[in-house]
Amino acid sequence: MADHPAPSERFLQGMKTRRSVLGDAHVDRAEANKTAFDQPFQELITEGAWGTVWSRTNWTKRERSIVTIALLAALGHHDEVAMHIRATANTGATPEDIREALMHVAIYAGVPAANHAFKIAKATYAEMDKTGSDGQAAGEMK
């Protein structure tokens, strides 16, 4: 990762927002697992998703969390659903918020997508209750 330019302001803002949503432990694990191969991808998501979209002030982190989980569930991105359910501990989205979002998924994206997302959400909330933490496995990246 030599000859890499200094991080952009958008990257720095993205990292700050990413840490506030996903937690330091999660981001530290992702950074520790970063290689020269995926560094450009990690920069892209940090700048684009976290530094641009998640850092906008039009919506709260709670609102972004709800919408993100609904979209991920609708698209079948199951690992991401679990990660963002864990992040609700930092965003303020409640289980009731997520339940309502998944009800919308059932109507607008299909019952099977919502059914699987409910299964993931229940397991993730149970793990969070059991561990008292974000319940994240050590190898997860994002």
N, C-alpha and C. Protein backbone atom coordinates (compact mmCIF):
# COMPACT_ATOMS: atom_id res chain seq x y z
N MET A 1 0.83 -1.17 0.00
CA MET A 1 0.00 0.00 0.00
C MET A 1 0.88 1.25 0.00
N ALA A 2 2.04 1.13 -0.61
CA ALA A 2 2.97 2.25 -0.68
C ALA A 2 2.49 3.27 -1.70
N ASP A 3 3.08 4.46 -1.64
CA ASP A 3 2.77 5.53 -2.58
C ASP A 3 1.28 5.86 -2.61
N HIS A 4 0.65 5.76 -1.50
CA HIS A 4 -0.78 6.07 -1.43
C HIS A 4 -0.94 7.51 -0.96
N PRO A 5 -1.78 8.30 -1.67
CA PRO A 5 -1.96 9.70 -1.27
C PRO A 5 -2.63 9.81 0.09
N ALA A 6 -2.49 10.98 0.68
CA ALA A 6 -3.14 11.25 1.97
C ALA A 6 -4.64 11.10 1.81
N PRO A 7 -5.33 10.65 2.86
CA PRO A 7 -6.78 10.48 2.76
C PRO A 7 -7.50 11.79 2.47
N SER A 8 -8.54 11.71 1.66
CA SER A 8 -9.34 12.89 1.33
C SER A 8 -10.20 13.29 2.52
N GLU A 9 -10.71 14.51 2.48
CA GLU A 9 -11.63 14.96 3.53
C GLU A 9 -12.87 14.06 3.56
N ARG A 10 -13.35 13.66 2.39
CA ARG A 10 -14.53 12.79 2.32
C ARG A 10 -14.22 11.43 2.97
N PHE A 11 -13.02 10.91 2.76
CA PHE A 11 -12.64 9.65 3.39
C PHE A 11 -12.60 9.82 4.91
N LEU A 12 -12.00 10.90 5.38
CA LEU A 12 -11.90 11.13 6.83
C LEU A 12 -13.29 11.28 7.46
N GLN A 13 -14.19 12.01 6.79
CA GLN A 13 -15.56 12.13 7.28
C GLN A 13 -16.24 10.78 7.23
N GLY A 14 -16.01 10.04 6.16
CA GLY A 14 -16.60 8.71 6.02
C GLY A 14 -16.16 7.77 7.13
N MET A 15 -14.89 7.82 7.46
CA MET A 15 -14.38 6.96 8.53
C MET A 15 -15.01 7.34 9.86
N LYS A 16 -15.16 8.62 10.10
CA LYS A 16 -15.79 9.09 11.34
C LYS A 16 -17.24 8.58 11.41
N THR A 17 -17.98 8.74 10.32
CA THR A 17 -19.37 8.30 10.30
C THR A 17 -19.46 6.78 10.39
N ARG A 18 -18.61 6.10 9.65
CA ARG A 18 -18.59 4.63 9.67
C ARG A 18 -18.36 4.11 11.09
N ARG A 19 -17.42 4.72 11.79
CA ARG A 19 -17.15 4.31 13.17
C ARG A 19 -18.34 4.60 14.08
N SER A 20 -19.00 5.73 13.86
CA SER A 20 -20.14 6.09 14.72
C SER A 20 -21.32 5.14 14.51
N VAL A 21 -21.46 4.61 13.31
CA VAL A 21 -22.56 3.70 13.00
C VAL A 21 -22.21 2.25 13.32
N LEU A 22 -21.08 1.78 12.82
CA LEU A 22 -20.73 0.36 12.95
C LEU A 22 -19.93 0.05 14.21
N GLY A 23 -19.32 1.06 14.80
CA GLY A 23 -18.52 0.86 16.01
C GLY A 23 -17.05 0.70 15.69
N ASP A 24 -16.22 1.14 16.63
CA ASP A 24 -14.78 1.06 16.44
C ASP A 24 -14.29 -0.37 16.25
N ALA A 25 -14.82 -1.30 17.02
CA ALA A 25 -14.34 -2.68 16.93
C ALA A 25 -14.55 -3.25 15.53
N HIS A 26 -15.71 -3.00 14.97
CA HIS A 26 -16.01 -3.50 13.62
C HIS A 26 -15.08 -2.88 12.59
N VAL A 27 -14.94 -1.56 12.63
CA VAL A 27 -14.10 -0.87 11.65
C VAL A 27 -12.64 -1.27 11.83
N ASP A 28 -12.19 -1.40 13.07
CA ASP A 28 -10.81 -1.84 13.31
C ASP A 28 -10.56 -3.22 12.72
N ARG A 29 -11.53 -4.14 12.85
CA ARG A 29 -11.38 -5.47 12.25
C ARG A 29 -11.31 -5.37 10.74
N ALA A 30 -12.17 -4.57 10.16
CA ALA A 30 -12.16 -4.41 8.70
C ALA A 30 -10.84 -3.81 8.22
N GLU A 31 -10.35 -2.82 8.94
CA GLU A 31 -9.09 -2.19 8.56
C GLU A 31 -7.92 -3.17 8.71
N ALA A 32 -7.96 -4.00 9.75
CA ALA A 32 -6.89 -4.97 9.96
C ALA A 32 -6.87 -6.03 8.86
N ASN A 33 -8.03 -6.30 8.29
CA ASN A 33 -8.14 -7.32 7.23
C ASN A 33 -7.95 -6.74 5.83
N LYS A 34 -7.81 -5.44 5.72
CA LYS A 34 -7.66 -4.79 4.42
C LYS A 34 -6.31 -5.17 3.81
N THR A 35 -6.31 -5.41 2.51
CA THR A 35 -5.09 -5.72 1.77
C THR A 35 -4.93 -4.74 0.62
N ALA A 36 -3.81 -4.81 -0.05
CA ALA A 36 -3.60 -3.97 -1.23
C ALA A 36 -4.67 -4.27 -2.28
N PHE A 37 -5.15 -5.51 -2.34
CA PHE A 37 -6.17 -5.89 -3.31
C PHE A 37 -7.49 -5.17 -3.08
N ASP A 38 -7.96 -5.13 -1.83
CA ASP A 38 -9.28 -4.53 -1.58
C ASP A 38 -9.22 -3.10 -1.05
N GLN A 39 -8.03 -2.54 -0.92
CA GLN A 39 -7.93 -1.17 -0.42
C GLN A 39 -8.75 -0.18 -1.27
N PRO A 40 -8.67 -0.23 -2.59
CA PRO A 40 -9.48 0.71 -3.37
C PRO A 40 -10.99 0.54 -3.12
N PHE A 41 -11.44 -0.68 -2.93
CA PHE A 41 -12.85 -0.92 -2.62
C PHE A 41 -13.20 -0.34 -1.26
N GLN A 42 -12.35 -0.56 -0.26
CA GLN A 42 -12.60 -0.02 1.08
C GLN A 42 -12.65 1.51 1.04
N GLU A 43 -11.78 2.12 0.25
CA GLU A 43 -11.81 3.58 0.11
C GLU A 43 -13.10 4.03 -0.56
N LEU A 44 -13.53 3.30 -1.59
CA LEU A 44 -14.77 3.63 -2.29
C LEU A 44 -15.96 3.62 -1.34
N ILE A 45 -16.11 2.55 -0.55
CA ILE A 45 -17.28 2.49 0.33
C ILE A 45 -17.16 3.50 1.48
N THR A 46 -15.93 3.75 1.94
CA THR A 46 -15.77 4.73 3.02
C THR A 46 -16.10 6.13 2.52
N GLU A 47 -15.63 6.47 1.35
CA GLU A 47 -15.92 7.80 0.79
C GLU A 47 -17.36 7.90 0.30
N GLY A 48 -17.80 6.92 -0.47
CA GLY A 48 -19.12 6.99 -1.10
C GLY A 48 -20.27 6.76 -0.15
N ALA A 49 -20.27 5.58 0.46
CA ALA A 49 -21.38 5.24 1.36
C ALA A 49 -21.34 6.06 2.64
N TRP A 50 -20.18 6.06 3.29
CA TRP A 50 -20.09 6.67 4.61
C TRP A 50 -19.78 8.16 4.56
N GLY A 51 -18.90 8.60 3.66
CA GLY A 51 -18.52 10.00 3.59
C GLY A 51 -19.49 10.87 2.82
N THR A 52 -20.26 10.26 1.93
CA THR A 52 -21.23 11.03 1.15
C THR A 52 -22.64 10.77 1.66
N VAL A 53 -23.15 9.56 1.49
CA VAL A 53 -24.56 9.30 1.80
C VAL A 53 -24.84 9.32 3.30
N TRP A 54 -24.14 8.51 4.07
CA TRP A 54 -24.41 8.43 5.51
C TRP A 54 -24.05 9.71 6.25
N SER A 55 -23.21 10.56 5.69
CA SER A 55 -22.81 11.81 6.35
C SER A 55 -23.74 12.98 6.02
N ARG A 56 -24.67 12.78 5.12
CA ARG A 56 -25.60 13.86 4.80
C ARG A 56 -26.47 14.16 6.03
N THR A 57 -26.94 15.40 6.12
CA THR A 57 -27.70 15.81 7.30
C THR A 57 -29.22 15.80 7.09
N ASN A 58 -29.68 15.43 5.89
CA ASN A 58 -31.12 15.45 5.61
C ASN A 58 -31.89 14.44 6.45
N TRP A 59 -31.30 13.30 6.72
CA TRP A 59 -31.92 12.26 7.54
C TRP A 59 -31.03 12.00 8.75
N THR A 60 -31.64 11.50 9.81
CA THR A 60 -30.87 11.07 10.98
C THR A 60 -30.24 9.71 10.70
N LYS A 61 -29.30 9.34 11.54
CA LYS A 61 -28.72 8.00 11.40
C LYS A 61 -29.79 6.93 11.62
N ARG A 62 -30.74 7.21 12.49
CA ARG A 62 -31.84 6.27 12.73
C ARG A 62 -32.63 6.05 11.43
N GLU A 63 -32.98 7.14 10.76
CA GLU A 63 -33.74 7.02 9.51
C GLU A 63 -32.93 6.28 8.44
N ARG A 64 -31.65 6.61 8.32
CA ARG A 64 -30.81 5.92 7.33
C ARG A 64 -30.69 4.44 7.66
N SER A 65 -30.60 4.13 8.93
CA SER A 65 -30.50 2.74 9.36
C SER A 65 -31.74 1.95 8.95
N ILE A 66 -32.91 2.51 9.18
CA ILE A 66 -34.17 1.85 8.84
C ILE A 66 -34.25 1.60 7.34
N VAL A 67 -33.96 2.62 6.55
CA VAL A 67 -34.03 2.49 5.10
C VAL A 67 -32.99 1.50 4.60
N THR A 68 -31.80 1.56 5.15
CA THR A 68 -30.72 0.66 4.72
C THR A 68 -31.11 -0.79 4.97
N ILE A 69 -31.63 -1.07 6.14
CA ILE A 69 -32.02 -2.45 6.46
C ILE A 69 -33.13 -2.93 5.54
N ALA A 70 -34.10 -2.07 5.26
CA ALA A 70 -35.18 -2.45 4.34
C ALA A 70 -34.62 -2.76 2.95
N LEU A 71 -33.74 -1.91 2.46
CA LEU A 71 -33.16 -2.14 1.13
C LEU A 71 -32.32 -3.41 1.09
N LEU A 72 -31.50 -3.61 2.10
CA LEU A 72 -30.67 -4.81 2.13
C LEU A 72 -31.52 -6.07 2.20
N ALA A 73 -32.57 -6.02 3.01
CA ALA A 73 -33.48 -7.17 3.12
C ALA A 73 -34.16 -7.43 1.78
N ALA A 74 -34.64 -6.38 1.13
CA ALA A 74 -35.33 -6.53 -0.14
C ALA A 74 -34.42 -7.12 -1.21
N LEU A 75 -33.14 -6.78 -1.15
CA LEU A 75 -32.19 -7.26 -2.14
C LEU A 75 -31.54 -8.59 -1.77
N GLY A 76 -31.85 -9.10 -0.57
CA GLY A 76 -31.31 -10.39 -0.16
C GLY A 76 -29.86 -10.37 0.29
N HIS A 77 -29.39 -9.23 0.75
CA HIS A 77 -28.00 -9.12 1.23
C HIS A 77 -27.97 -9.45 2.72
N HIS A 78 -28.03 -10.74 3.01
CA HIS A 78 -28.27 -11.22 4.37
C HIS A 78 -27.18 -10.86 5.37
N ASP A 79 -25.92 -10.98 4.99
CA ASP A 79 -24.84 -10.62 5.92
C ASP A 79 -24.89 -9.14 6.27
N GLU A 80 -25.21 -8.34 5.28
CA GLU A 80 -25.32 -6.90 5.50
C GLU A 80 -26.52 -6.57 6.39
N VAL A 81 -27.61 -7.33 6.25
CA VAL A 81 -28.77 -7.11 7.13
C VAL A 81 -28.33 -7.30 8.57
N ALA A 82 -27.65 -8.40 8.85
CA ALA A 82 -27.21 -8.67 10.22
C ALA A 82 -26.27 -7.58 10.72
N MET A 83 -25.33 -7.15 9.87
CA MET A 83 -24.39 -6.11 10.29
C MET A 83 -25.13 -4.82 10.64
N HIS A 84 -26.11 -4.45 9.82
CA HIS A 84 -26.83 -3.21 10.08
C HIS A 84 -27.84 -3.34 11.21
N ILE A 85 -28.32 -4.55 11.49
CA ILE A 85 -29.14 -4.76 12.70
C ILE A 85 -28.26 -4.49 13.92
N ARG A 86 -27.02 -5.02 13.91
CA ARG A 86 -26.10 -4.75 15.03
C ARG A 86 -25.84 -3.26 15.17
N ALA A 87 -25.75 -2.56 14.05
CA ALA A 87 -25.46 -1.13 14.08
C ALA A 87 -26.60 -0.31 14.69
N THR A 88 -27.80 -0.88 14.78
CA THR A 88 -28.90 -0.12 15.38
C THR A 88 -28.60 0.25 16.83
N ALA A 89 -27.69 -0.48 17.47
CA ALA A 89 -27.28 -0.11 18.83
C ALA A 89 -26.65 1.28 18.83
N ASN A 90 -26.11 1.71 17.68
CA ASN A 90 -25.47 3.02 17.56
C ASN A 90 -26.34 4.05 16.84
N THR A 91 -27.30 3.59 16.05
CA THR A 91 -28.08 4.53 15.25
C THR A 91 -29.38 4.96 15.92
N GLY A 92 -29.82 4.20 16.90
CA GLY A 92 -31.07 4.53 17.57
C GLY A 92 -32.30 3.91 16.95
N ALA A 93 -32.15 3.17 15.87
CA ALA A 93 -33.30 2.47 15.29
C ALA A 93 -33.69 1.34 16.24
N THR A 94 -34.95 1.28 16.58
CA THR A 94 -35.43 0.29 17.53
C THR A 94 -35.88 -0.99 16.82
N PRO A 95 -36.02 -2.07 17.57
CA PRO A 95 -36.59 -3.27 16.96
C PRO A 95 -37.97 -3.00 16.35
N GLU A 96 -38.74 -2.13 16.96
CA GLU A 96 -40.05 -1.78 16.41
C GLU A 96 -39.89 -1.08 15.06
N ASP A 97 -38.89 -0.19 14.95
CA ASP A 97 -38.61 0.47 13.67
C ASP A 97 -38.29 -0.56 12.60
N ILE A 98 -37.45 -1.51 12.96
CA ILE A 98 -37.01 -2.51 12.00
C ILE A 98 -38.16 -3.43 11.62
N ARG A 99 -38.99 -3.78 12.59
CA ARG A 99 -40.16 -4.59 12.29
C ARG A 99 -41.04 -3.89 11.25
N GLU A 100 -41.28 -2.61 11.43
CA GLU A 100 -42.12 -1.86 10.49
C GLU A 100 -41.46 -1.80 9.11
N ALA A 101 -40.15 -1.61 9.07
CA ALA A 101 -39.45 -1.60 7.78
C ALA A 101 -39.58 -2.95 7.08
N LEU A 102 -39.47 -4.03 7.84
CA LEU A 102 -39.57 -5.35 7.24
C LEU A 102 -40.99 -5.68 6.81
N MET A 103 -41.97 -5.08 7.46
CA MET A 103 -43.35 -5.22 7.00
C MET A 103 -43.48 -4.58 5.61
N HIS A 104 -42.84 -3.44 5.41
CA HIS A 104 -42.85 -2.80 4.09
C HIS A 104 -42.15 -3.69 3.07
N VAL A 105 -41.05 -4.30 3.48
CA VAL A 105 -40.33 -5.21 2.58
C VAL A 105 -41.27 -6.32 2.12
N ALA A 106 -42.06 -6.85 3.03
CA ALA A 106 -42.98 -7.94 2.67
C ALA A 106 -43.94 -7.51 1.56
N ILE A 107 -44.47 -6.32 1.68
CA ILE A 107 -45.44 -5.84 0.70
C ILE A 107 -44.78 -5.43 -0.61
N TYR A 108 -43.68 -4.71 -0.53
CA TYR A 108 -43.09 -4.12 -1.73
C TYR A 108 -41.99 -4.96 -2.38
N ALA A 109 -41.41 -5.89 -1.64
CA ALA A 109 -40.33 -6.70 -2.21
C ALA A 109 -40.61 -8.20 -2.12
N GLY A 110 -41.62 -8.58 -1.36
CA GLY A 110 -42.00 -9.98 -1.30
C GLY A 110 -41.88 -10.58 0.09
N VAL A 111 -42.82 -11.43 0.39
CA VAL A 111 -42.87 -12.10 1.69
C VAL A 111 -41.63 -12.95 1.94
N PRO A 112 -41.11 -13.72 0.97
CA PRO A 112 -39.91 -14.50 1.26
C PRO A 112 -38.71 -13.64 1.69
N ALA A 113 -38.53 -12.48 1.06
CA ALA A 113 -37.42 -11.60 1.45
C ALA A 113 -37.60 -11.12 2.88
N ALA A 114 -38.83 -10.71 3.21
CA ALA A 114 -39.10 -10.23 4.57
C ALA A 114 -39.01 -11.36 5.57
N ASN A 115 -39.50 -12.53 5.22
CA ASN A 115 -39.46 -13.67 6.12
C ASN A 115 -38.01 -14.00 6.50
N HIS A 116 -37.14 -14.01 5.51
CA HIS A 116 -35.73 -14.32 5.81
C HIS A 116 -35.09 -13.19 6.63
N ALA A 117 -35.44 -11.95 6.32
CA ALA A 117 -34.89 -10.83 7.08
C ALA A 117 -35.38 -10.86 8.53
N PHE A 118 -36.64 -11.23 8.75
CA PHE A 118 -37.13 -11.36 10.13
C PHE A 118 -36.33 -12.44 10.87
N LYS A 119 -36.04 -13.53 10.19
CA LYS A 119 -35.25 -14.61 10.80
C LYS A 119 -33.86 -14.09 11.20
N ILE A 120 -33.23 -13.35 10.29
CA ILE A 120 -31.91 -12.79 10.57
C ILE A 120 -31.98 -11.79 11.72
N ALA A 121 -32.98 -10.91 11.67
CA ALA A 121 -33.13 -9.89 12.72
C ALA A 121 -33.33 -10.53 14.09
N LYS A 122 -34.20 -11.53 14.17
CA LYS A 122 -34.44 -12.20 15.46
C LYS A 122 -33.16 -12.83 15.99
N ALA A 123 -32.43 -13.52 15.14
CA ALA A 123 -31.18 -14.17 15.57
C ALA A 123 -30.15 -13.13 15.99
N THR A 124 -30.07 -12.03 15.24
CA THR A 124 -29.09 -10.99 15.54
C THR A 124 -29.43 -10.29 16.85
N TYR A 125 -30.70 -9.94 17.03
CA TYR A 125 -31.10 -9.31 18.31
C TYR A 125 -30.85 -10.26 19.48
N ALA A 126 -31.13 -11.55 19.30
CA ALA A 126 -30.88 -12.52 20.38
C ALA A 126 -29.40 -12.58 20.71
N GLU A 127 -28.55 -12.57 19.69
CA GLU A 127 -27.10 -12.59 19.93
C GLU A 127 -26.65 -11.31 20.63
N MET A 128 -27.21 -10.17 20.21
CA MET A 128 -26.86 -8.90 20.86
C MET A 128 -27.27 -8.92 22.33
N ASP A 129 -28.45 -9.45 22.62
CA ASP A 129 -28.91 -9.55 24.00
C ASP A 129 -28.01 -10.47 24.81
N LYS A 130 -27.59 -11.57 24.18
CA LYS A 130 -26.77 -12.57 24.86
C LYS A 130 -25.36 -12.05 25.14
N THR A 131 -24.77 -11.37 24.17
CA THR A 131 -23.38 -10.93 24.33
C THR A 131 -23.26 -9.56 24.97
N GLY A 132 -24.33 -8.78 24.89
CA GLY A 132 -24.25 -7.42 25.42
C GLY A 132 -23.34 -6.53 24.59
N SER A 133 -23.09 -6.97 23.35
CA SER A 133 -22.22 -6.20 22.46
C SER A 133 -22.83 -6.17 21.08
N ASP A 134 -21.98 -5.82 20.09
CA ASP A 134 -22.48 -5.80 18.72
C ASP A 134 -22.59 -7.21 18.15
N GLY A 135 -22.13 -8.22 18.89
CA GLY A 135 -22.28 -9.62 18.49
C GLY A 135 -21.58 -9.97 17.20
N GLN A 136 -20.64 -9.18 16.74
CA GLN A 136 -20.04 -9.37 15.46
C GLN A 136 -18.92 -10.40 15.49
N ALA A 137 -18.90 -11.24 14.49
CA ALA A 137 -17.83 -12.21 14.34
C ALA A 137 -16.54 -11.48 13.94
N ALA A 138 -15.43 -12.01 14.39
CA ALA A 138 -14.15 -11.33 14.20
C ALA A 138 -13.77 -11.12 12.74
N GLY A 139 -14.20 -11.94 11.83
CA GLY A 139 -13.74 -11.85 10.45
C GLY A 139 -14.60 -10.97 9.56
N GLU A 140 -15.70 -10.42 10.04
CA GLU A 140 -16.60 -9.66 9.17
C GLU A 140 -15.97 -8.35 8.74
N MET A 141 -16.17 -8.02 7.47
CA MET A 141 -15.64 -6.77 6.93
C MET A 141 -16.77 -5.88 6.43
N LYS A 142 -16.50 -4.61 6.46
CA LYS A 142 -17.33 -3.59 5.83
C LYS A 142 -17.01 -2.25 6.38
